[in-house]
Each structure stands twice: as structure tokens, then as C-alpha cells.
């Protein structure tokens, strides 16, 4: 079954990705579904405005590149998806919190956008 909470999710058979109810912002427990709905409802001009969605991205900042990716997808008219399993996402965040360094997250940030920690 494909989640259609924002009308632009991945089509059936699009591959494994994050479940809509999985948390994108682990610090403030903000789900992918909440971020999608927030973006659709408020139409943020820049990715940083997604922080108004329950503080997403303002804690450890691990999720910022993923929020930027979702914003870029929305602006481009693409399905808002994150091609990473929640368990892998959480494991990478744990490593980030331990080392302070990000792994190369394929597709985690919009093309041409820089990331700062």
C-alpha cells in the first residue's frame, strides 16, 4: 500500500524507503508524514522554515540534509521520499552523534546545496 498523505508520495513499486510514520527528526519525534503535510500546507520558501514544524532540524541537526532534500523534492514537483530504512537512518544518526561527522548520504541533500553542521 502506498501512503498518499500529500498526494505526491512514491508510486507503488518505487523501492524501499522511509515509512511515512517513521521519525525524520529523532530529537523532536517529527515523522515524515508530519513534515510532508507541513510542507504541503505552508509551502515554505526555504528549507529552514521547516523548523516551524515542531522544531524539526533544530536539535542535533542530523536531519537537516534530509529536510533540505524533502524541500527540494517538493519545489521540483517530485515525490517527497527518503530512500533509507528507518533502522539505517537511526544507526547513521548514532554514528553522527558519536563522531560529529556525517557519512555520505546518497541523495540526502538537494543538488548544489551546501551542508553545515
Protein backbone atom coordinates (compact mmCIF):
# COMPACT_ATOMS: atom_id res chain seq x y z
CA UNK A 1 0.00 0.00 0.00
CA UNK A 2 1.29 3.45 -0.87
CA UNK A 3 0.79 6.33 1.52
CA UNK A 4 -0.95 9.26 -0.17
CA UNK A 5 -0.98 11.80 2.65
CA UNK A 6 0.40 14.55 0.44
CA UNK A 7 -0.62 13.34 -2.99
CA UNK A 8 3.00 13.17 -4.15
CA UNK A 9 4.47 10.11 -2.44
CA UNK A 10 6.48 7.42 -4.13
CA UNK A 11 4.42 5.36 -6.54
CA UNK A 12 3.80 1.68 -5.85
CA UNK A 13 6.94 -0.34 -6.51
CA UNK A 14 9.22 2.68 -6.20
CA UNK A 15 11.53 0.83 -3.84
CA UNK A 16 12.29 0.70 -0.17
CA UNK A 17 12.19 3.96 1.68
CA UNK A 18 11.29 5.53 4.95
CA UNK A 19 7.83 4.73 6.25
CA UNK A 20 5.62 7.84 6.48
CA UNK A 21 5.23 7.35 10.23
CA UNK A 22 8.97 6.97 10.84
CA UNK A 23 10.68 9.90 12.52
CA UNK A 24 12.78 12.20 10.35
CA UNK A 25 13.70 14.41 13.31
CA UNK A 26 14.66 11.99 16.07
CA UNK A 27 15.30 14.75 18.62
CA UNK A 28 11.74 16.10 18.48
CA UNK A 29 9.98 12.96 17.15
CA UNK A 30 8.75 14.56 13.92
CA UNK A 31 7.55 11.99 11.40
CA UNK A 32 7.99 12.04 7.65
CA UNK A 33 4.21 12.32 7.34
CA UNK A 34 4.17 15.46 9.53
CA UNK A 35 6.97 17.06 7.53
CA UNK A 36 5.25 16.26 4.22
CA UNK A 37 1.95 17.68 5.42
CA UNK A 38 3.66 20.76 6.85
CA UNK A 39 5.44 21.45 3.56
CA UNK A 40 2.27 20.94 1.55
CA UNK A 41 0.21 23.14 3.87
CA UNK A 42 2.66 26.00 4.49
CA UNK A 43 4.68 26.00 1.26
CA UNK A 44 7.96 27.10 2.88
CA UNK A 45 10.14 29.33 0.69
CA UNK A 46 13.40 27.93 2.14
CA UNK A 47 14.21 24.63 3.86
CA UNK A 48 14.98 26.30 7.19
CA UNK A 49 11.31 27.23 7.55
CA UNK A 50 10.59 23.52 8.12
CA UNK A 51 11.92 24.14 11.65
CA UNK A 52 8.46 25.61 12.35
CA UNK A 53 7.19 22.02 12.12
CA UNK A 54 7.58 21.05 15.78
CA UNK A 55 11.22 22.20 15.83
CA UNK A 56 12.39 19.72 13.17
CA UNK A 57 16.09 20.18 12.47
CA UNK A 58 16.85 22.38 15.47
CA UNK A 59 18.20 19.73 17.86
CA UNK A 60 21.32 17.81 16.87
CA UNK A 61 20.84 18.92 13.22
CA UNK A 62 21.33 15.39 11.86
CA UNK A 63 18.09 15.60 9.88
CA UNK A 64 18.79 18.97 8.21
CA UNK A 65 20.13 17.48 4.94
CA UNK A 66 17.09 15.20 4.79
CA UNK A 67 14.72 18.11 5.39
CA UNK A 68 16.55 20.01 2.65
CA UNK A 69 16.06 17.05 0.32
CA UNK A 70 12.33 16.91 1.05
CA UNK A 71 12.03 20.65 0.42
CA UNK A 72 13.94 20.34 -2.86
CA UNK A 73 11.73 17.43 -3.97
CA UNK A 74 8.59 19.43 -3.18
CA UNK A 75 9.86 22.54 -5.02
CA UNK A 76 10.70 20.35 -8.04
CA UNK A 77 7.30 18.65 -8.03
CA UNK A 78 8.86 15.29 -7.20
CA UNK A 79 7.50 12.77 -4.69
CA UNK A 80 8.71 13.61 -1.18
CA UNK A 81 10.56 10.43 -0.26
CA UNK A 82 13.63 9.41 1.69
CA UNK A 83 15.29 6.30 0.25
CA UNK A 84 16.63 4.98 3.55
CA UNK A 85 15.25 2.46 6.00
CA UNK A 86 14.45 3.89 9.45
CA UNK A 87 16.88 1.49 11.18
CA UNK A 88 19.77 2.59 8.92
CA UNK A 89 18.77 6.24 9.37
CA UNK A 90 18.88 5.86 13.18
CA UNK A 91 22.20 3.98 13.05
CA UNK A 92 23.79 6.74 10.94
CA UNK A 93 22.50 9.36 13.38
CA UNK A 94 24.05 7.45 16.30
CA UNK A 95 27.40 7.45 14.49
CA UNK A 96 26.99 11.16 13.72
CA UNK A 97 26.25 11.91 17.37
CA UNK A 98 29.34 9.94 18.41
CA UNK A 99 31.81 11.23 15.83
CA UNK A 100 30.32 14.55 14.75
CA UNK A 101 30.87 13.50 11.15
CA UNK A 102 28.30 12.65 8.52
CA UNK A 103 28.55 9.65 6.28
CA UNK A 104 28.00 10.24 2.61
CA UNK A 105 24.21 10.11 2.45
CA UNK A 106 23.24 9.47 -1.17
CA UNK A 107 20.58 11.93 -2.13
CA UNK A 108 20.30 13.38 1.37
CA UNK A 109 20.73 16.95 0.20
CA UNK A 110 19.48 18.77 -2.81
CA UNK A 111 21.97 19.10 -5.65
CA UNK A 112 24.18 22.13 -5.25
CA UNK A 113 23.14 22.89 -1.66
CA UNK A 114 25.87 23.02 0.93
CA UNK A 115 25.52 21.44 4.32
CA UNK A 116 26.80 22.92 7.53
CA UNK A 117 26.91 21.25 10.91
